N, C-alpha and C. Protein backbone atom coordinates (compact mmCIF):
# COMPACT_ATOMS: atom_id res chain seq x y z
N UNK A 1 316.84 -26.26 85.59
CA UNK A 1 317.22 -25.23 85.55
C UNK A 1 318.53 -25.42 84.72
N UNK A 2 318.57 -24.00 83.58
CA UNK A 2 319.60 -24.51 82.06
C UNK A 2 321.02 -24.40 82.03
N UNK A 3 321.01 -24.97 81.82
CA UNK A 3 322.91 -25.40 81.86
C UNK A 3 323.47 -24.21 80.97
N UNK A 4 324.10 -23.21 80.57
CA UNK A 4 324.76 -22.48 79.36
C UNK A 4 326.78 -23.16 79.05
N UNK A 5 326.77 -24.28 77.93
CA UNK A 5 328.29 -23.89 77.58
C UNK A 5 328.85 -23.05 76.99
N UNK A 6 330.01 -22.48 77.44
CA UNK A 6 330.26 -21.08 77.15
C UNK A 6 331.65 -22.16 76.52
N UNK A 7 331.92 -20.76 75.21
CA UNK A 7 333.88 -21.46 74.52
C UNK A 7 334.10 -19.97 74.07
N UNK A 8 335.45 -20.33 74.82
CA UNK A 8 335.81 -18.53 75.12
C UNK A 8 336.94 -18.61 73.86
N UNK A 9 337.60 -18.21 72.21
CA UNK A 9 338.06 -17.80 71.42
C UNK A 9 338.83 -17.15 72.01
N UNK A 10 340.36 -16.83 71.79
CA UNK A 10 341.57 -15.70 72.07
C UNK A 10 342.31 -15.03 70.85
N UNK A 11 342.36 -13.93 70.45
CA UNK A 11 342.83 -14.16 69.31
C UNK A 11 342.78 -13.99 67.92
N UNK A 12 341.08 -13.83 67.98
CA UNK A 12 340.67 -14.03 66.75
C UNK A 12 338.98 -13.35 66.77
N UNK A 13 338.55 -12.62 66.19
CA UNK A 13 337.41 -12.08 65.86
C UNK A 13 336.38 -12.95 65.56
N UNK A 14 334.54 -12.34 66.31
CA UNK A 14 333.90 -13.54 65.90
C UNK A 14 333.76 -13.64 64.34
N UNK A 15 334.40 -12.70 63.14
CA UNK A 15 333.81 -12.77 61.89
C UNK A 15 335.21 -13.18 61.11
N UNK A 16 335.99 -13.55 61.95
CA UNK A 16 337.17 -14.62 61.29
C UNK A 16 336.70 -15.80 61.09
N UNK A 17 336.57 -15.84 62.85
CA UNK A 17 336.69 -17.52 62.84
C UNK A 17 335.25 -18.02 61.92
N UNK A 18 334.44 -16.95 61.58
CA UNK A 18 332.96 -17.32 60.78
C UNK A 18 333.72 -17.92 59.82
N UNK A 19 334.47 -16.87 58.83
CA UNK A 19 335.10 -16.96 57.23
C UNK A 19 336.46 -18.99 57.77
N UNK A 20 336.95 -18.86 59.03
CA UNK A 20 337.38 -20.07 58.83
C UNK A 20 336.80 -21.09 58.87
N UNK A 21 336.15 -21.25 59.51
CA UNK A 21 334.77 -22.39 59.09
C UNK A 21 334.39 -22.58 57.88
N UNK A 22 333.80 -21.34 57.51
CA UNK A 22 333.33 -21.46 56.12
C UNK A 22 333.93 -22.12 54.89
N UNK A 23 335.29 -21.59 54.93
CA UNK A 23 336.81 -22.39 54.39
C UNK A 23 336.99 -23.46 54.45
N UNK A 24 336.66 -24.47 55.48
CA UNK A 24 337.42 -25.39 56.39
C UNK A 24 336.02 -25.96 55.63
N UNK A 25 334.54 -25.43 55.55
CA UNK A 25 333.59 -26.49 54.68
C UNK A 25 333.46 -26.55 53.47
N UNK A 26 333.84 -25.59 53.42
CA UNK A 26 334.38 -25.90 51.59
C UNK A 26 335.32 -26.56 51.02
N UNK A 27 335.98 -26.24 52.07
CA UNK A 27 337.58 -27.49 51.38
C UNK A 27 336.60 -29.08 51.49
N UNK A 28 336.11 -29.17 52.24
CA UNK A 28 336.18 -30.25 52.59
C UNK A 28 334.67 -31.30 51.47
N UNK A 29 333.95 -29.86 51.07
CA UNK A 29 333.28 -30.79 50.19
C UNK A 29 333.16 -30.16 49.06
N UNK A 30 334.59 -29.44 48.53
CA UNK A 30 334.84 -29.50 47.36
C UNK A 30 335.68 -30.78 46.65
N UNK A 31 336.27 -31.61 48.35
CA UNK A 31 336.78 -32.62 47.92
C UNK A 31 335.89 -33.32 47.79
N UNK A 32 334.96 -33.48 48.59
CA UNK A 32 333.63 -34.68 48.40
C UNK A 32 333.20 -34.67 46.94
N UNK A 33 333.02 -33.65 46.79
CA UNK A 33 332.47 -33.55 44.86
C UNK A 33 333.41 -34.18 44.52
N UNK A 34 334.46 -34.04 44.55
CA UNK A 34 335.46 -34.77 43.60
C UNK A 34 335.76 -36.25 43.17
N UNK A 35 335.66 -36.31 44.38
CA UNK A 35 336.13 -38.14 44.90
C UNK A 35 334.30 -38.57 45.02
N UNK A 36 333.48 -37.95 44.74
CA UNK A 36 331.71 -38.51 44.85
C UNK A 36 331.96 -39.53 43.33
N UNK A 37 330.81 -40.66 43.19
CA UNK A 37 331.06 -41.39 42.34
C UNK A 37 329.64 -41.53 42.45
N UNK A 38 328.15 -40.72 41.85
CA UNK A 38 327.09 -42.09 41.67
C UNK A 38 327.01 -42.50 41.63
N UNK A 39 325.93 -43.57 42.47
CA UNK A 39 325.87 -44.52 41.89
C UNK A 39 324.80 -45.33 41.14
N UNK A 40 325.63 -45.89 40.12
CA UNK A 40 324.33 -46.59 39.08
C UNK A 40 324.38 -47.70 39.03
N UNK A 41 322.48 -47.65 38.88
CA UNK A 41 321.84 -48.90 38.70
C UNK A 41 322.19 -50.05 38.05
N UNK A 42 322.22 -51.42 38.15
CA UNK A 42 323.32 -52.11 37.90
C UNK A 42 322.55 -52.22 36.31
N UNK A 43 323.14 -52.41 35.46
CA UNK A 43 322.37 -53.14 33.62
C UNK A 43 322.26 -54.56 34.19
N UNK A 44 321.09 -54.87 33.20
CA UNK A 44 320.98 -56.55 33.27
C UNK A 44 321.02 -56.56 31.36
N UNK A 45 321.59 -57.37 31.42
CA UNK A 45 321.44 -57.91 29.53
C UNK A 45 320.93 -59.34 29.58
N UNK A 46 320.17 -58.83 28.38
CA UNK A 46 319.58 -60.78 28.15
C UNK A 46 320.42 -61.35 27.59
N UNK A 47 319.58 -62.80 27.00
CA UNK A 47 320.57 -63.92 26.62
C UNK A 47 321.27 -63.28 25.38
N UNK A 48 320.63 -62.58 24.52
CA UNK A 48 321.40 -62.53 22.81
C UNK A 48 322.34 -61.11 23.03
N UNK A 49 321.85 -60.33 23.91
CA UNK A 49 323.19 -59.27 24.55
C UNK A 49 324.71 -60.06 24.57
N UNK A 50 324.51 -60.91 25.29
CA UNK A 50 325.99 -61.57 26.75
C UNK A 50 326.40 -62.48 24.99
N UNK A 51 325.46 -63.42 24.68
CA UNK A 51 325.91 -64.26 23.71
C UNK A 51 326.56 -62.72 22.51
N UNK A 52 326.15 -61.92 22.68
CA UNK A 52 327.02 -61.22 21.69
C UNK A 52 328.41 -60.43 22.45
N UNK A 53 328.46 -60.02 23.63
CA UNK A 53 329.54 -59.85 23.82
C UNK A 53 330.40 -60.58 23.81
N UNK A 54 330.38 -62.11 23.93
CA UNK A 54 331.12 -62.69 24.50
C UNK A 54 331.57 -63.13 23.63
N UNK A 55 330.53 -63.07 21.99
CA UNK A 55 330.69 -63.96 21.02
C UNK A 55 330.61 -65.30 20.77
N UNK A 56 329.83 -65.94 21.82
CA UNK A 56 329.79 -67.43 22.29
C UNK A 56 327.68 -67.45 21.35
N UNK A 57 327.60 -68.56 20.98
CA UNK A 57 325.69 -68.60 20.80
C UNK A 57 326.00 -68.85 21.99
N UNK A 58 323.76 -69.16 21.98
CA UNK A 58 323.07 -69.60 23.59
C UNK A 58 323.82 -70.55 23.71
N UNK A 59 323.58 -71.80 23.40
CA UNK A 59 324.03 -73.23 23.51
C UNK A 59 324.94 -73.02 24.56
N UNK A 60 326.57 -72.44 24.27
CA UNK A 60 327.75 -72.34 25.04
C UNK A 60 327.19 -71.37 25.99
N UNK A 61 325.92 -70.61 26.01
CA UNK A 61 325.46 -69.63 27.60
C UNK A 61 325.09 -70.52 28.27
N UNK A 62 323.87 -71.08 27.74
CA UNK A 62 323.03 -72.20 28.50
C UNK A 62 324.11 -73.16 29.10
N UNK A 63 325.28 -73.45 28.34
CA UNK A 63 326.11 -74.37 29.09
C UNK A 63 327.24 -73.98 30.31
N UNK A 64 327.22 -72.62 30.22
CA UNK A 64 327.65 -71.62 31.66
C UNK A 64 326.87 -71.65 32.15
N UNK A 65 325.87 -71.47 31.99
CA UNK A 65 324.68 -71.32 33.02
C UNK A 65 324.77 -72.44 33.86
N UNK A 66 324.95 -73.54 33.61
CA UNK A 66 324.15 -74.53 34.00
C UNK A 66 325.46 -75.48 35.11
N UNK A 67 326.97 -74.69 34.65
CA UNK A 67 328.47 -75.09 34.88
C UNK A 67 328.34 -73.98 36.41
N UNK A 68 327.66 -73.07 35.91
CA UNK A 68 328.03 -72.07 37.34
C UNK A 68 328.96 -70.76 36.65
N UNK A 69 330.03 -70.63 35.73
CA UNK A 69 330.34 -69.80 35.15
C UNK A 69 329.57 -68.62 34.72
N UNK A 70 328.37 -68.27 34.96
CA UNK A 70 327.69 -67.10 34.54
C UNK A 70 326.80 -67.79 35.75
N UNK A 71 326.14 -66.47 36.05
CA UNK A 71 324.54 -66.38 37.08
C UNK A 71 323.48 -65.63 36.71
N UNK A 72 322.88 -66.39 35.86
CA UNK A 72 321.44 -65.03 35.39
C UNK A 72 320.79 -65.40 36.11
N UNK A 73 319.67 -64.38 35.91
CA UNK A 73 318.59 -64.22 37.22
C UNK A 73 317.51 -64.53 36.67
N UNK A 74 316.56 -64.58 36.59
CA UNK A 74 315.07 -65.04 36.15
C UNK A 74 313.94 -63.95 36.82
N UNK A 75 313.66 -63.07 35.53
CA UNK A 75 311.96 -63.07 36.48
C UNK A 75 310.64 -63.61 34.77
N UNK A 76 310.20 -64.61 35.22
CA UNK A 76 309.60 -65.01 34.89
C UNK A 76 309.94 -66.10 33.46
N UNK A 77 309.50 -65.90 32.71
CA UNK A 77 309.69 -66.76 32.03
C UNK A 77 311.64 -66.08 30.75
N UNK A 78 311.53 -64.57 31.24
CA UNK A 78 313.00 -63.43 31.13
C UNK A 78 314.04 -63.99 31.63
N UNK A 79 315.06 -64.22 30.78
CA UNK A 79 316.00 -64.50 31.61
C UNK A 79 317.00 -62.77 31.72
N UNK A 80 317.74 -62.90 32.47
CA UNK A 80 318.80 -61.57 31.98
C UNK A 80 319.93 -61.77 33.33
N UNK A 81 321.38 -61.35 32.63
CA UNK A 81 322.89 -61.29 33.55
C UNK A 81 322.78 -60.13 33.80
N UNK A 82 323.58 -59.83 34.61
CA UNK A 82 323.94 -58.75 35.14
C UNK A 82 325.57 -58.17 34.54
N UNK A 83 325.48 -57.04 33.63
CA UNK A 83 326.60 -56.49 33.05
C UNK A 83 328.09 -56.96 34.50
N UNK A 84 328.25 -56.53 35.66
CA UNK A 84 329.28 -56.08 36.19
C UNK A 84 329.40 -57.36 36.53
N UNK A 85 328.00 -58.98 36.60
CA UNK A 85 329.35 -60.10 36.38
C UNK A 85 329.70 -61.16 35.25
N UNK A 86 329.56 -59.87 34.80
CA UNK A 86 329.82 -60.23 33.19
C UNK A 86 330.93 -60.56 33.14
N UNK A 87 331.59 -59.07 33.55
CA UNK A 87 332.65 -59.16 33.28
C UNK A 87 333.81 -59.11 34.53
N UNK A 88 332.77 -59.26 35.81
CA UNK A 88 334.40 -60.53 36.70
C UNK A 88 333.72 -61.47 35.92
N UNK A 89 332.90 -62.52 35.72
CA UNK A 89 333.57 -64.01 35.03
C UNK A 89 334.44 -64.40 34.18
N UNK A 90 334.82 -63.08 33.75
CA UNK A 90 336.09 -63.00 32.65
C UNK A 90 337.55 -63.41 33.59
N UNK A 91 338.32 -64.36 33.54
CA UNK A 91 339.25 -64.39 34.46
C UNK A 91 340.85 -64.47 33.63
N UNK A 92 341.93 -63.31 34.52
CA UNK A 92 342.35 -63.08 33.62
C UNK A 92 343.37 -64.22 33.62
N UNK A 93 344.12 -64.95 32.40
CA UNK A 93 344.79 -65.83 32.25
C UNK A 93 346.67 -65.35 32.85
N UNK A 94 346.96 -64.38 32.30
CA UNK A 94 348.26 -64.08 32.54
C UNK A 94 348.47 -63.29 32.92
N UNK A 95 349.57 -63.45 34.54
CA UNK A 95 349.88 -62.79 35.53
C UNK A 95 350.70 -61.84 35.27
């Protein structure tokens, strides 16, 4: 046996109800589109690029790797750094 759910709305025509729903959906979509930030893939930098950004030598960069200041990623014999992690490694000293 099929059950039917019936919702009754008083004081509004079906066309007005449809228009109200459309306006509310559009309003929500506009708010979402204004706050939407597309996910950007992580940017990987070479050792030379990181050294140039931080204005340090490759030796200093290797020293920071061994001390855990920076977190390098290795793929075969390629070493890369995430740009976001480079920015996070900089510590603000004056609060």
